[in-house]
Amino acid sequence: MSDPYRELVALDTSVPVWEKFFVVHNLVVVGTRQAGGDYDLAPKHMAIPIGWQNYFGFVCTPRHRTYLNIRQQKEFAVSYPRPSQVVETSLTASPRCEDDSKPNLQSVPTFMASRVDAPFLEDGYLFFECQMHRVVDGFGENSLIVGSIVAAHVAKDCVRGPDRDDADLIYHAPLLAYVSPRRFAYIRETRAFPFPEQFKR
């Protein structure tokens, strides 16, 4: 029997391993309101549904304004950008000036969420309005922020339905993926996953 480890490279786990390979992530933009009344947008790629109910979570750090805003305001908005919005999404990662402002956000088109006081990225394809459910600190310097989705909206061209083929829908409304570290991809070609017969989630 061959040794499977002969084809593997052992990584040093005394330091973070995430720069040594590529992993596909969601890419979202989180909108929040600051204590002074201004609004903020920030991209997040460690972002996932939390379970099968209406919970959404993402990783952040207490050093970031997004974390502080959500701790204070107890709510946030999530936008899923389209592939055509890579530049706008990148602008939301701009550093702050000495006066704590983020002037590049002025060129990013937004609209306001309907049930929470936070902005969405205009022209995205999926939008969640979230109330803070809990914040779990202690993942090194990072934290997991979980929100309860109180409102959700999806673009008409991205809604699944019995009269629309899933592969065709994705082909005509491709998805934006963050390929960590520091790359992105358009997802257009997809196949149905070959689940075993009688599979249940």
N, C-alpha and C. Protein backbone atom coordinates (compact mmCIF):
# COMPACT_ATOMS: atom_id res chain seq x y z
N MET A 1 0.85 -1.20 0.00
CA MET A 1 0.00 0.00 0.00
C MET A 1 0.89 1.25 0.00
N SER A 2 0.60 2.17 -0.89
CA SER A 2 1.43 3.38 -0.99
C SER A 2 1.15 4.33 0.17
N ASP A 3 2.12 5.16 0.45
CA ASP A 3 2.00 6.14 1.53
C ASP A 3 1.39 7.42 0.96
N PRO A 4 0.14 7.78 1.35
CA PRO A 4 -0.48 8.99 0.78
C PRO A 4 0.26 10.27 1.14
N TYR A 5 1.02 10.25 2.24
CA TYR A 5 1.71 11.47 2.66
C TYR A 5 2.91 11.80 1.76
N ARG A 6 3.32 10.86 0.91
CA ARG A 6 4.43 11.14 0.01
C ARG A 6 4.10 12.25 -0.97
N GLU A 7 2.81 12.43 -1.26
CA GLU A 7 2.38 13.45 -2.22
C GLU A 7 1.91 14.73 -1.53
N LEU A 8 2.09 14.81 -0.22
CA LEU A 8 1.62 15.98 0.53
C LEU A 8 2.79 16.76 1.10
N VAL A 9 2.57 18.06 1.28
CA VAL A 9 3.57 18.93 1.90
C VAL A 9 3.06 19.32 3.28
N ALA A 10 3.79 19.01 4.30
CA ALA A 10 3.41 19.36 5.67
C ALA A 10 3.62 20.86 5.89
N LEU A 11 2.62 21.52 6.43
CA LEU A 11 2.70 22.96 6.69
C LEU A 11 3.00 23.23 8.15
N ASP A 12 3.67 24.31 8.38
CA ASP A 12 4.04 24.73 9.74
C ASP A 12 2.83 25.38 10.39
N THR A 13 2.20 24.72 11.35
CA THR A 13 1.01 25.26 12.00
C THR A 13 1.33 26.17 13.18
N SER A 14 2.62 26.46 13.39
CA SER A 14 2.97 27.45 14.42
C SER A 14 2.74 28.86 13.90
N VAL A 15 2.47 28.98 12.59
CA VAL A 15 2.12 30.25 11.96
C VAL A 15 0.86 30.01 11.12
N PRO A 16 0.13 31.05 10.75
CA PRO A 16 -1.06 30.86 9.91
C PRO A 16 -0.72 30.16 8.60
N VAL A 17 -1.56 29.22 8.21
CA VAL A 17 -1.29 28.41 7.02
C VAL A 17 -1.89 28.99 5.75
N TRP A 18 -2.74 30.02 5.83
CA TRP A 18 -3.63 30.40 4.74
C TRP A 18 -2.95 31.02 3.53
N GLU A 19 -1.68 31.40 3.61
CA GLU A 19 -0.97 31.97 2.46
C GLU A 19 -0.31 30.91 1.59
N LYS A 20 -0.38 29.66 1.97
CA LYS A 20 0.37 28.59 1.29
C LYS A 20 -0.44 27.89 0.19
N PHE A 21 -1.70 28.24 0.01
CA PHE A 21 -2.55 27.57 -0.97
C PHE A 21 -3.72 28.49 -1.29
N PHE A 22 -4.54 28.10 -2.26
CA PHE A 22 -5.71 28.89 -2.63
C PHE A 22 -6.99 28.20 -2.15
N VAL A 23 -7.94 29.01 -1.72
CA VAL A 23 -9.24 28.54 -1.26
C VAL A 23 -10.31 29.49 -1.80
N VAL A 24 -11.43 28.93 -2.24
CA VAL A 24 -12.53 29.75 -2.77
C VAL A 24 -13.45 30.18 -1.63
N HIS A 25 -13.79 31.48 -1.61
CA HIS A 25 -14.66 32.05 -0.59
C HIS A 25 -15.78 32.85 -1.25
N ASN A 26 -16.83 33.11 -0.48
CA ASN A 26 -17.76 34.17 -0.85
C ASN A 26 -17.04 35.51 -0.74
N LEU A 27 -17.55 36.51 -1.42
CA LEU A 27 -17.07 37.88 -1.24
C LEU A 27 -18.29 38.76 -1.05
N VAL A 28 -18.38 39.39 0.11
CA VAL A 28 -19.51 40.25 0.41
C VAL A 28 -19.01 41.62 0.86
N VAL A 29 -19.92 42.57 0.85
CA VAL A 29 -19.64 43.90 1.39
C VAL A 29 -20.60 44.14 2.54
N VAL A 30 -20.05 44.43 3.72
CA VAL A 30 -20.87 44.65 4.92
C VAL A 30 -21.03 46.15 5.14
N GLY A 31 -22.27 46.58 5.26
CA GLY A 31 -22.57 47.98 5.52
C GLY A 31 -23.00 48.19 6.96
N THR A 32 -22.51 49.26 7.57
CA THR A 32 -22.85 49.58 8.96
C THR A 32 -22.99 51.10 9.12
N ARG A 33 -23.59 51.48 10.25
CA ARG A 33 -23.66 52.91 10.61
C ARG A 33 -22.71 53.17 11.75
N GLN A 34 -21.95 54.26 11.64
CA GLN A 34 -21.01 54.64 12.68
C GLN A 34 -21.72 55.46 13.75
N ALA A 35 -21.07 55.59 14.90
CA ALA A 35 -21.67 56.30 16.04
C ALA A 35 -22.01 57.74 15.70
N GLY A 36 -21.21 58.38 14.85
CA GLY A 36 -21.45 59.78 14.49
C GLY A 36 -22.51 59.97 13.42
N GLY A 37 -23.03 58.86 12.87
CA GLY A 37 -24.09 58.95 11.88
C GLY A 37 -23.64 58.65 10.46
N ASP A 38 -22.33 58.66 10.19
CA ASP A 38 -21.85 58.30 8.86
C ASP A 38 -21.99 56.79 8.65
N TYR A 39 -21.89 56.38 7.40
CA TYR A 39 -22.02 54.97 7.07
C TYR A 39 -20.69 54.42 6.56
N ASP A 40 -20.51 53.13 6.75
CA ASP A 40 -19.27 52.48 6.34
C ASP A 40 -19.58 51.24 5.53
N LEU A 41 -18.69 50.91 4.61
CA LEU A 41 -18.74 49.66 3.83
C LEU A 41 -17.38 48.99 3.94
N ALA A 42 -17.38 47.68 4.02
CA ALA A 42 -16.12 46.94 4.11
C ALA A 42 -16.29 45.56 3.49
N PRO A 43 -15.33 45.10 2.69
CA PRO A 43 -15.42 43.76 2.10
C PRO A 43 -15.03 42.70 3.12
N LYS A 44 -15.69 41.55 3.02
CA LYS A 44 -15.38 40.41 3.89
C LYS A 44 -15.42 39.15 3.04
N HIS A 45 -14.43 38.28 3.20
CA HIS A 45 -14.44 37.04 2.43
C HIS A 45 -14.61 35.81 3.29
N MET A 46 -14.41 35.92 4.59
CA MET A 46 -14.70 34.79 5.48
C MET A 46 -16.14 34.96 5.94
N ALA A 47 -17.08 34.67 5.01
CA ALA A 47 -18.49 34.97 5.23
C ALA A 47 -19.34 33.80 4.75
N ILE A 48 -20.23 33.31 5.62
CA ILE A 48 -21.00 32.11 5.31
C ILE A 48 -22.36 32.12 5.99
N PRO A 49 -23.33 31.35 5.44
CA PRO A 49 -24.54 31.05 6.20
C PRO A 49 -24.15 30.27 7.46
N ILE A 50 -24.84 30.52 8.54
CA ILE A 50 -24.60 29.77 9.78
C ILE A 50 -25.78 28.83 9.96
N GLY A 51 -25.63 27.60 9.51
CA GLY A 51 -26.72 26.64 9.59
C GLY A 51 -27.72 26.84 8.47
N TRP A 52 -28.84 26.09 8.54
CA TRP A 52 -29.86 26.11 7.50
C TRP A 52 -30.98 27.11 7.78
N GLN A 53 -30.96 27.75 8.93
CA GLN A 53 -31.94 28.78 9.23
C GLN A 53 -31.39 30.13 8.77
N ASN A 54 -32.10 31.20 9.09
CA ASN A 54 -31.72 32.52 8.56
C ASN A 54 -30.69 33.23 9.45
N TYR A 55 -29.49 32.65 9.48
CA TYR A 55 -28.37 33.26 10.18
C TYR A 55 -27.21 33.41 9.22
N PHE A 56 -26.50 34.52 9.35
CA PHE A 56 -25.36 34.80 8.48
C PHE A 56 -24.20 35.27 9.35
N GLY A 57 -23.01 34.77 9.07
CA GLY A 57 -21.87 35.15 9.88
C GLY A 57 -20.64 35.48 9.05
N PHE A 58 -19.78 36.26 9.64
CA PHE A 58 -18.51 36.58 8.99
C PHE A 58 -17.46 36.86 10.05
N VAL A 59 -16.21 36.71 9.63
CA VAL A 59 -15.08 36.94 10.53
C VAL A 59 -14.62 38.38 10.40
N CYS A 60 -14.35 38.98 11.54
CA CYS A 60 -13.87 40.36 11.59
C CYS A 60 -12.90 40.47 12.77
N THR A 61 -12.32 41.61 12.93
CA THR A 61 -11.43 41.84 14.07
C THR A 61 -11.90 43.06 14.85
N PRO A 62 -11.77 43.07 16.16
CA PRO A 62 -12.16 44.24 16.95
C PRO A 62 -11.40 45.50 16.57
N ARG A 63 -10.32 45.39 15.80
CA ARG A 63 -9.59 46.57 15.35
C ARG A 63 -10.31 47.30 14.22
N HIS A 64 -11.27 46.64 13.59
CA HIS A 64 -11.94 47.23 12.42
C HIS A 64 -13.21 47.98 12.83
N ARG A 65 -13.51 49.00 12.06
CA ARG A 65 -14.70 49.81 12.33
C ARG A 65 -15.97 48.99 12.20
N THR A 66 -15.99 48.04 11.30
CA THR A 66 -17.17 47.19 11.13
C THR A 66 -17.55 46.52 12.44
N TYR A 67 -16.59 45.94 13.12
CA TYR A 67 -16.82 45.27 14.40
C TYR A 67 -17.39 46.26 15.42
N LEU A 68 -16.74 47.42 15.54
CA LEU A 68 -17.18 48.41 16.53
C LEU A 68 -18.59 48.91 16.22
N ASN A 69 -18.86 49.16 14.95
CA ASN A 69 -20.19 49.65 14.56
C ASN A 69 -21.28 48.65 14.90
N ILE A 70 -21.03 47.37 14.62
CA ILE A 70 -22.05 46.35 14.89
C ILE A 70 -22.24 46.16 16.38
N ARG A 71 -21.17 46.21 17.14
CA ARG A 71 -21.29 46.14 18.60
C ARG A 71 -22.16 47.28 19.14
N GLN A 72 -22.03 48.46 18.54
CA GLN A 72 -22.77 49.63 19.01
C GLN A 72 -24.20 49.67 18.47
N GLN A 73 -24.37 49.42 17.18
CA GLN A 73 -25.67 49.60 16.55
C GLN A 73 -26.52 48.32 16.52
N LYS A 74 -25.89 47.16 16.72
CA LYS A 74 -26.59 45.87 16.78
C LYS A 74 -27.26 45.47 15.47
N GLU A 75 -26.75 45.97 14.34
CA GLU A 75 -27.33 45.62 13.05
C GLU A 75 -26.33 45.88 11.94
N PHE A 76 -26.56 45.25 10.78
CA PHE A 76 -25.69 45.45 9.63
C PHE A 76 -26.40 44.97 8.38
N ALA A 77 -25.86 45.37 7.22
CA ALA A 77 -26.39 44.96 5.92
C ALA A 77 -25.30 44.24 5.14
N VAL A 78 -25.70 43.25 4.34
CA VAL A 78 -24.76 42.44 3.57
C VAL A 78 -25.14 42.51 2.09
N SER A 79 -24.19 42.86 1.24
CA SER A 79 -24.39 42.89 -0.20
C SER A 79 -23.46 41.87 -0.86
N TYR A 80 -24.01 41.11 -1.80
CA TYR A 80 -23.20 40.23 -2.62
C TYR A 80 -22.96 40.92 -3.95
N PRO A 81 -21.74 41.37 -4.24
CA PRO A 81 -21.48 42.06 -5.51
C PRO A 81 -21.44 41.12 -6.70
N ARG A 82 -21.69 41.67 -7.86
CA ARG A 82 -21.57 40.94 -9.12
C ARG A 82 -20.12 41.03 -9.63
N PRO A 83 -19.75 40.17 -10.60
CA PRO A 83 -18.41 40.25 -11.16
C PRO A 83 -18.06 41.63 -11.72
N SER A 84 -19.05 42.37 -12.20
CA SER A 84 -18.79 43.70 -12.76
C SER A 84 -18.46 44.73 -11.69
N GLN A 85 -18.54 44.34 -10.41
CA GLN A 85 -18.34 45.30 -9.32
C GLN A 85 -17.05 45.06 -8.54
N VAL A 86 -16.07 44.46 -9.18
CA VAL A 86 -14.79 44.20 -8.50
C VAL A 86 -14.15 45.51 -8.04
N VAL A 87 -14.16 46.53 -8.89
CA VAL A 87 -13.52 47.80 -8.54
C VAL A 87 -14.23 48.45 -7.35
N GLU A 88 -15.56 48.52 -7.42
CA GLU A 88 -16.31 49.12 -6.31
C GLU A 88 -16.07 48.35 -5.01
N THR A 89 -16.04 47.03 -5.11
CA THR A 89 -15.79 46.22 -3.92
C THR A 89 -14.41 46.48 -3.36
N SER A 90 -13.42 46.61 -4.24
CA SER A 90 -12.07 46.92 -3.81
C SER A 90 -11.99 48.27 -3.11
N LEU A 91 -12.74 49.25 -3.61
CA LEU A 91 -12.72 50.58 -3.00
C LEU A 91 -13.21 50.57 -1.56
N THR A 92 -14.09 49.63 -1.23
CA THR A 92 -14.58 49.58 0.16
C THR A 92 -13.50 49.10 1.12
N ALA A 93 -12.38 48.58 0.58
CA ALA A 93 -11.26 48.16 1.43
C ALA A 93 -10.24 49.27 1.62
N SER A 94 -10.52 50.46 1.11
CA SER A 94 -9.56 51.56 1.19
C SER A 94 -9.25 51.91 2.64
N PRO A 95 -8.00 52.26 2.94
CA PRO A 95 -7.65 52.65 4.31
C PRO A 95 -8.27 53.99 4.69
N ARG A 96 -8.37 54.21 5.97
CA ARG A 96 -8.92 55.46 6.48
C ARG A 96 -7.85 56.55 6.51
N CYS A 97 -8.30 57.80 6.39
CA CYS A 97 -7.41 58.94 6.50
C CYS A 97 -7.17 59.26 7.98
N GLU A 98 -6.31 60.24 8.22
CA GLU A 98 -5.99 60.61 9.60
C GLU A 98 -7.22 61.08 10.37
N ASP A 99 -8.21 61.67 9.66
CA ASP A 99 -9.42 62.12 10.34
C ASP A 99 -10.46 61.01 10.47
N ASP A 100 -10.04 59.77 10.19
CA ASP A 100 -10.88 58.58 10.32
C ASP A 100 -11.92 58.46 9.20
N SER A 101 -11.82 59.30 8.17
CA SER A 101 -12.77 59.22 7.06
C SER A 101 -12.28 58.22 6.02
N LYS A 102 -13.19 57.82 5.15
CA LYS A 102 -12.89 56.87 4.08
C LYS A 102 -13.41 57.49 2.79
N PRO A 103 -12.70 58.50 2.24
CA PRO A 103 -13.23 59.28 1.12
C PRO A 103 -13.52 58.47 -0.13
N ASN A 104 -12.84 57.35 -0.35
CA ASN A 104 -13.11 56.55 -1.55
C ASN A 104 -14.53 56.00 -1.58
N LEU A 105 -15.18 55.92 -0.42
CA LEU A 105 -16.55 55.41 -0.39
C LEU A 105 -17.53 56.35 -1.10
N GLN A 106 -17.15 57.62 -1.27
CA GLN A 106 -18.04 58.56 -1.92
C GLN A 106 -18.28 58.21 -3.38
N SER A 107 -17.38 57.44 -3.98
CA SER A 107 -17.55 57.05 -5.38
C SER A 107 -18.22 55.68 -5.53
N VAL A 108 -18.61 55.09 -4.40
CA VAL A 108 -19.26 53.78 -4.43
C VAL A 108 -20.77 53.98 -4.33
N PRO A 109 -21.56 53.62 -5.34
CA PRO A 109 -23.01 53.82 -5.28
C PRO A 109 -23.67 52.88 -4.28
N THR A 110 -24.56 53.43 -3.48
CA THR A 110 -25.24 52.64 -2.44
C THR A 110 -26.73 52.98 -2.40
N PHE A 111 -27.48 52.17 -1.68
CA PHE A 111 -28.85 52.51 -1.31
C PHE A 111 -29.09 51.94 0.09
N MET A 112 -30.10 52.44 0.76
CA MET A 112 -30.30 52.09 2.16
C MET A 112 -31.15 50.83 2.31
N ALA A 113 -30.81 50.03 3.30
CA ALA A 113 -31.61 48.86 3.65
C ALA A 113 -32.99 49.32 4.12
N SER A 114 -33.96 48.42 4.08
CA SER A 114 -35.34 48.79 4.40
C SER A 114 -35.68 48.64 5.87
N ARG A 115 -34.98 47.75 6.59
CA ARG A 115 -35.33 47.49 7.99
C ARG A 115 -34.21 47.74 8.98
N VAL A 116 -32.99 47.89 8.49
CA VAL A 116 -31.88 48.24 9.37
C VAL A 116 -31.23 49.51 8.84
N ASP A 117 -30.57 50.24 9.72
CA ASP A 117 -29.97 51.52 9.35
C ASP A 117 -28.54 51.27 8.87
N ALA A 118 -28.44 50.82 7.63
CA ALA A 118 -27.14 50.48 7.05
C ALA A 118 -27.26 50.47 5.53
N PRO A 119 -26.16 50.70 4.82
CA PRO A 119 -26.22 50.79 3.36
C PRO A 119 -25.95 49.46 2.66
N PHE A 120 -26.52 49.32 1.48
CA PHE A 120 -26.22 48.24 0.56
C PHE A 120 -25.34 48.78 -0.57
N LEU A 121 -24.60 47.88 -1.23
CA LEU A 121 -23.87 48.19 -2.44
C LEU A 121 -24.83 48.11 -3.63
N GLU A 122 -25.01 49.21 -4.31
CA GLU A 122 -25.97 49.25 -5.43
C GLU A 122 -25.56 48.28 -6.53
N ASP A 123 -26.56 47.66 -7.15
CA ASP A 123 -26.38 46.76 -8.29
C ASP A 123 -25.83 45.39 -7.94
N GLY A 124 -25.78 45.05 -6.65
CA GLY A 124 -25.42 43.69 -6.28
C GLY A 124 -26.55 42.74 -6.67
N TYR A 125 -26.40 41.46 -6.31
CA TYR A 125 -27.46 40.51 -6.69
C TYR A 125 -28.17 39.88 -5.50
N LEU A 126 -27.60 39.99 -4.30
CA LEU A 126 -28.22 39.41 -3.11
C LEU A 126 -27.95 40.31 -1.92
N PHE A 127 -28.99 40.53 -1.10
CA PHE A 127 -28.88 41.50 -0.01
C PHE A 127 -29.55 40.94 1.25
N PHE A 128 -28.83 41.01 2.38
CA PHE A 128 -29.38 40.60 3.67
C PHE A 128 -29.38 41.79 4.62
N GLU A 129 -30.46 41.91 5.37
CA GLU A 129 -30.53 42.88 6.46
C GLU A 129 -30.50 42.09 7.76
N CYS A 130 -29.54 42.38 8.60
CA CYS A 130 -29.29 41.54 9.77
C CYS A 130 -29.32 42.33 11.07
N GLN A 131 -29.90 41.71 12.07
CA GLN A 131 -29.76 42.18 13.45
C GLN A 131 -28.73 41.30 14.13
N MET A 132 -27.87 41.92 14.93
CA MET A 132 -26.81 41.16 15.57
C MET A 132 -27.39 40.06 16.45
N HIS A 133 -26.96 38.84 16.20
CA HIS A 133 -27.40 37.70 17.02
C HIS A 133 -26.41 37.44 18.14
N ARG A 134 -25.15 37.35 17.79
CA ARG A 134 -24.10 37.24 18.80
C ARG A 134 -22.75 37.51 18.16
N VAL A 135 -21.79 37.83 19.01
CA VAL A 135 -20.40 38.00 18.60
C VAL A 135 -19.56 37.07 19.45
N VAL A 136 -18.78 36.24 18.80
CA VAL A 136 -17.93 35.28 19.51
C VAL A 136 -16.49 35.72 19.31
N ASP A 137 -15.87 36.21 20.38
CA ASP A 137 -14.48 36.64 20.33
C ASP A 137 -13.55 35.46 20.63
N GLY A 138 -12.26 35.66 20.41
CA GLY A 138 -11.28 34.70 20.88
C GLY A 138 -10.68 33.79 19.84
N PHE A 139 -10.90 34.06 18.54
CA PHE A 139 -10.23 33.27 17.50
C PHE A 139 -8.93 33.97 17.15
N GLY A 140 -7.98 33.88 18.05
CA GLY A 140 -6.78 34.70 17.91
C GLY A 140 -7.18 36.16 18.02
N GLU A 141 -6.78 36.95 17.04
CA GLU A 141 -7.16 38.37 17.05
C GLU A 141 -8.50 38.61 16.37
N ASN A 142 -9.18 37.55 15.99
CA ASN A 142 -10.41 37.69 15.22
C ASN A 142 -11.64 37.26 16.00
N SER A 143 -12.81 37.63 15.46
CA SER A 143 -14.10 37.33 16.07
C SER A 143 -15.07 36.88 14.99
N LEU A 144 -16.06 36.10 15.40
CA LEU A 144 -17.14 35.70 14.51
C LEU A 144 -18.37 36.53 14.85
N ILE A 145 -18.86 37.27 13.86
CA ILE A 145 -20.07 38.08 14.03
C ILE A 145 -21.21 37.35 13.34
N VAL A 146 -22.28 37.07 14.07
CA VAL A 146 -23.43 36.36 13.52
C VAL A 146 -24.65 37.25 13.60
N GLY A 147 -25.35 37.36 12.49
CA GLY A 147 -26.57 38.14 12.44
C GLY A 147 -27.76 37.28 12.11
N SER A 148 -28.92 37.68 12.60
CA SER A 148 -30.19 37.07 12.24
C SER A 148 -30.75 37.85 11.05
N ILE A 149 -31.04 37.16 9.96
CA ILE A 149 -31.53 37.83 8.76
C ILE A 149 -32.99 38.20 8.95
N VAL A 150 -33.28 39.51 8.97
CA VAL A 150 -34.65 39.98 9.18
C VAL A 150 -35.31 40.41 7.88
N ALA A 151 -34.52 40.57 6.83
CA ALA A 151 -35.05 40.86 5.49
C ALA A 151 -34.01 40.42 4.48
N ALA A 152 -34.49 39.91 3.34
CA ALA A 152 -33.58 39.44 2.28
C ALA A 152 -34.17 39.82 0.93
N HIS A 153 -33.31 40.17 0.00
CA HIS A 153 -33.73 40.60 -1.32
C HIS A 153 -32.77 40.00 -2.34
N VAL A 154 -33.30 39.57 -3.49
CA VAL A 154 -32.47 39.01 -4.55
C VAL A 154 -32.88 39.62 -5.88
N ALA A 155 -31.91 39.88 -6.74
CA ALA A 155 -32.19 40.45 -8.06
C ALA A 155 -33.05 39.49 -8.88
N LYS A 156 -33.94 40.04 -9.69
CA LYS A 156 -34.88 39.22 -10.46
C LYS A 156 -34.17 38.21 -11.36
N ASP A 157 -33.02 38.60 -11.92
CA ASP A 157 -32.33 37.68 -12.83
C ASP A 157 -31.57 36.58 -12.11
N CYS A 158 -31.62 36.59 -10.77
CA CYS A 158 -30.89 35.58 -9.99
C CYS A 158 -31.81 34.68 -9.17
N VAL A 159 -33.10 34.82 -9.32
CA VAL A 159 -34.05 34.02 -8.54
C VAL A 159 -34.21 32.64 -9.17
N ARG A 160 -34.01 31.60 -8.38
CA ARG A 160 -34.23 30.25 -8.87
C ARG A 160 -35.73 29.97 -8.97
N GLY A 161 -36.12 29.10 -9.88
CA GLY A 161 -37.52 28.75 -10.03
C GLY A 161 -37.68 27.49 -10.84
N PRO A 162 -38.87 26.87 -10.80
CA PRO A 162 -39.09 25.61 -11.53
C PRO A 162 -39.01 25.76 -13.03
N ASP A 163 -39.19 26.98 -13.54
CA ASP A 163 -39.15 27.18 -14.98
C ASP A 163 -37.80 27.71 -15.46
N ARG A 164 -36.79 27.71 -14.57
CA ARG A 164 -35.47 28.19 -14.94
C ARG A 164 -34.43 27.13 -14.63
N ASP A 165 -33.63 26.78 -15.60
CA ASP A 165 -32.55 25.82 -15.40
C ASP A 165 -31.45 26.47 -14.56
N ASP A 166 -31.00 25.79 -13.50
CA ASP A 166 -30.00 26.36 -12.59
C ASP A 166 -28.71 26.71 -13.32
N ALA A 167 -28.23 25.80 -14.17
CA ALA A 167 -26.96 26.05 -14.87
C ALA A 167 -27.10 27.25 -15.80
N ASP A 168 -28.24 27.37 -16.47
CA ASP A 168 -28.45 28.49 -17.38
C ASP A 168 -28.55 29.80 -16.62
N LEU A 169 -29.20 29.77 -15.46
CA LEU A 169 -29.32 30.98 -14.64
C LEU A 169 -27.94 31.49 -14.24
N ILE A 170 -27.08 30.60 -13.75
CA ILE A 170 -25.75 31.01 -13.31
C ILE A 170 -24.91 31.47 -14.49
N TYR A 171 -25.09 30.81 -15.64
CA TYR A 171 -24.32 31.22 -16.81
C TYR A 171 -24.63 32.66 -17.21
N HIS A 172 -25.89 33.04 -17.14
CA HIS A 172 -26.29 34.38 -17.55
C HIS A 172 -26.17 35.41 -16.42
N ALA A 173 -26.05 34.96 -15.17
CA ALA A 173 -25.83 35.86 -14.04
C ALA A 173 -24.70 35.28 -13.20
N PRO A 174 -23.46 35.36 -13.71
CA PRO A 174 -22.33 34.70 -13.04
C PRO A 174 -22.07 35.25 -11.64
N LEU A 175 -21.42 34.42 -10.83
CA LEU A 175 -21.13 34.75 -9.45
C LEU A 175 -19.68 35.22 -9.31
N LEU A 176 -19.47 36.10 -8.36
CA LEU A 176 -18.12 36.58 -8.04
C LEU A 176 -17.59 35.80 -6.84
N ALA A 177 -16.40 35.25 -6.97
CA ALA A 177 -15.78 34.51 -5.88
C ALA A 177 -14.44 35.14 -5.54
N TYR A 178 -14.10 35.14 -4.25
CA TYR A 178 -12.78 35.56 -3.82
C TYR A 178 -11.92 34.32 -3.68
N VAL A 179 -10.81 34.28 -4.40
CA VAL A 179 -9.89 33.15 -4.34
C VAL A 179 -8.73 33.59 -3.46
N SER A 180 -8.79 33.21 -2.21
CA SER A 180 -7.81 33.68 -1.24
C SER A 180 -6.52 32.88 -1.36
N PRO A 181 -5.36 33.59 -1.33
CA PRO A 181 -5.18 35.01 -1.08
C PRO A 181 -5.08 35.88 -2.35
N ARG A 182 -5.81 37.00 -2.32
CA ARG A 182 -5.65 38.13 -3.24
C ARG A 182 -5.97 37.87 -4.71
N ARG A 183 -6.90 36.96 -4.99
CA ARG A 183 -7.33 36.75 -6.37
C ARG A 183 -8.86 36.66 -6.39
N PHE A 184 -9.44 36.76 -7.58
CA PHE A 184 -10.88 36.61 -7.70
C PHE A 184 -11.19 35.82 -8.96
N ALA A 185 -12.42 35.34 -9.04
CA ALA A 185 -12.84 34.55 -10.21
C ALA A 185 -14.32 34.80 -10.48
N TYR A 186 -14.71 34.58 -11.75
CA TYR A 186 -16.12 34.58 -12.13
C TYR A 186 -16.56 33.13 -12.23
N ILE A 187 -17.66 32.80 -11.61
CA ILE A 187 -18.21 31.45 -11.70
C ILE A 187 -19.38 31.49 -12.68
N ARG A 188 -19.21 30.81 -13.80
CA ARG A 188 -20.26 30.79 -14.83
C ARG A 188 -20.65 29.37 -15.21
N GLU A 189 -19.65 28.50 -15.37
CA GLU A 189 -19.91 27.10 -15.73
C GLU A 189 -20.07 26.27 -14.46
N THR A 190 -21.23 25.62 -14.30
CA THR A 190 -21.48 24.79 -13.11
C THR A 190 -22.11 23.46 -13.53
N ARG A 191 -22.04 22.50 -12.65
CA ARG A 191 -22.64 21.18 -12.86
C ARG A 191 -23.42 20.79 -11.61
N ALA A 192 -24.44 19.98 -11.76
CA ALA A 192 -25.18 19.46 -10.61
C ALA A 192 -24.27 18.52 -9.83
N PHE A 193 -24.28 18.63 -8.51
CA PHE A 193 -23.44 17.77 -7.67
C PHE A 193 -24.05 16.37 -7.61
N PRO A 194 -23.24 15.31 -7.75
CA PRO A 194 -23.78 13.94 -7.80
C PRO A 194 -24.06 13.36 -6.41
N PHE A 195 -25.08 13.89 -5.74
CA PHE A 195 -25.43 13.37 -4.43
C PHE A 195 -25.90 11.92 -4.53
N PRO A 196 -25.60 11.09 -3.53
CA PRO A 196 -26.13 9.72 -3.53
C PRO A 196 -27.66 9.72 -3.48
N GLU A 197 -28.26 8.67 -4.02
CA GLU A 197 -29.71 8.53 -3.94
C GLU A 197 -30.15 8.48 -2.49
N GLN A 198 -31.26 9.09 -2.16
CA GLN A 198 -31.81 9.15 -0.81
C GLN A 198 -31.03 10.10 0.10
N PHE A 199 -30.14 10.92 -0.47
CA PHE A 199 -29.36 11.86 0.36
C PHE A 199 -30.29 12.86 1.02
N LYS A 200 -30.05 13.17 2.28
CA LYS A 200 -30.78 14.20 3.01
C LYS A 200 -29.79 15.07 3.74
N ARG A 201 -30.06 16.36 3.77
CA ARG A 201 -29.14 17.26 4.46
C ARG A 201 -29.30 17.14 5.97
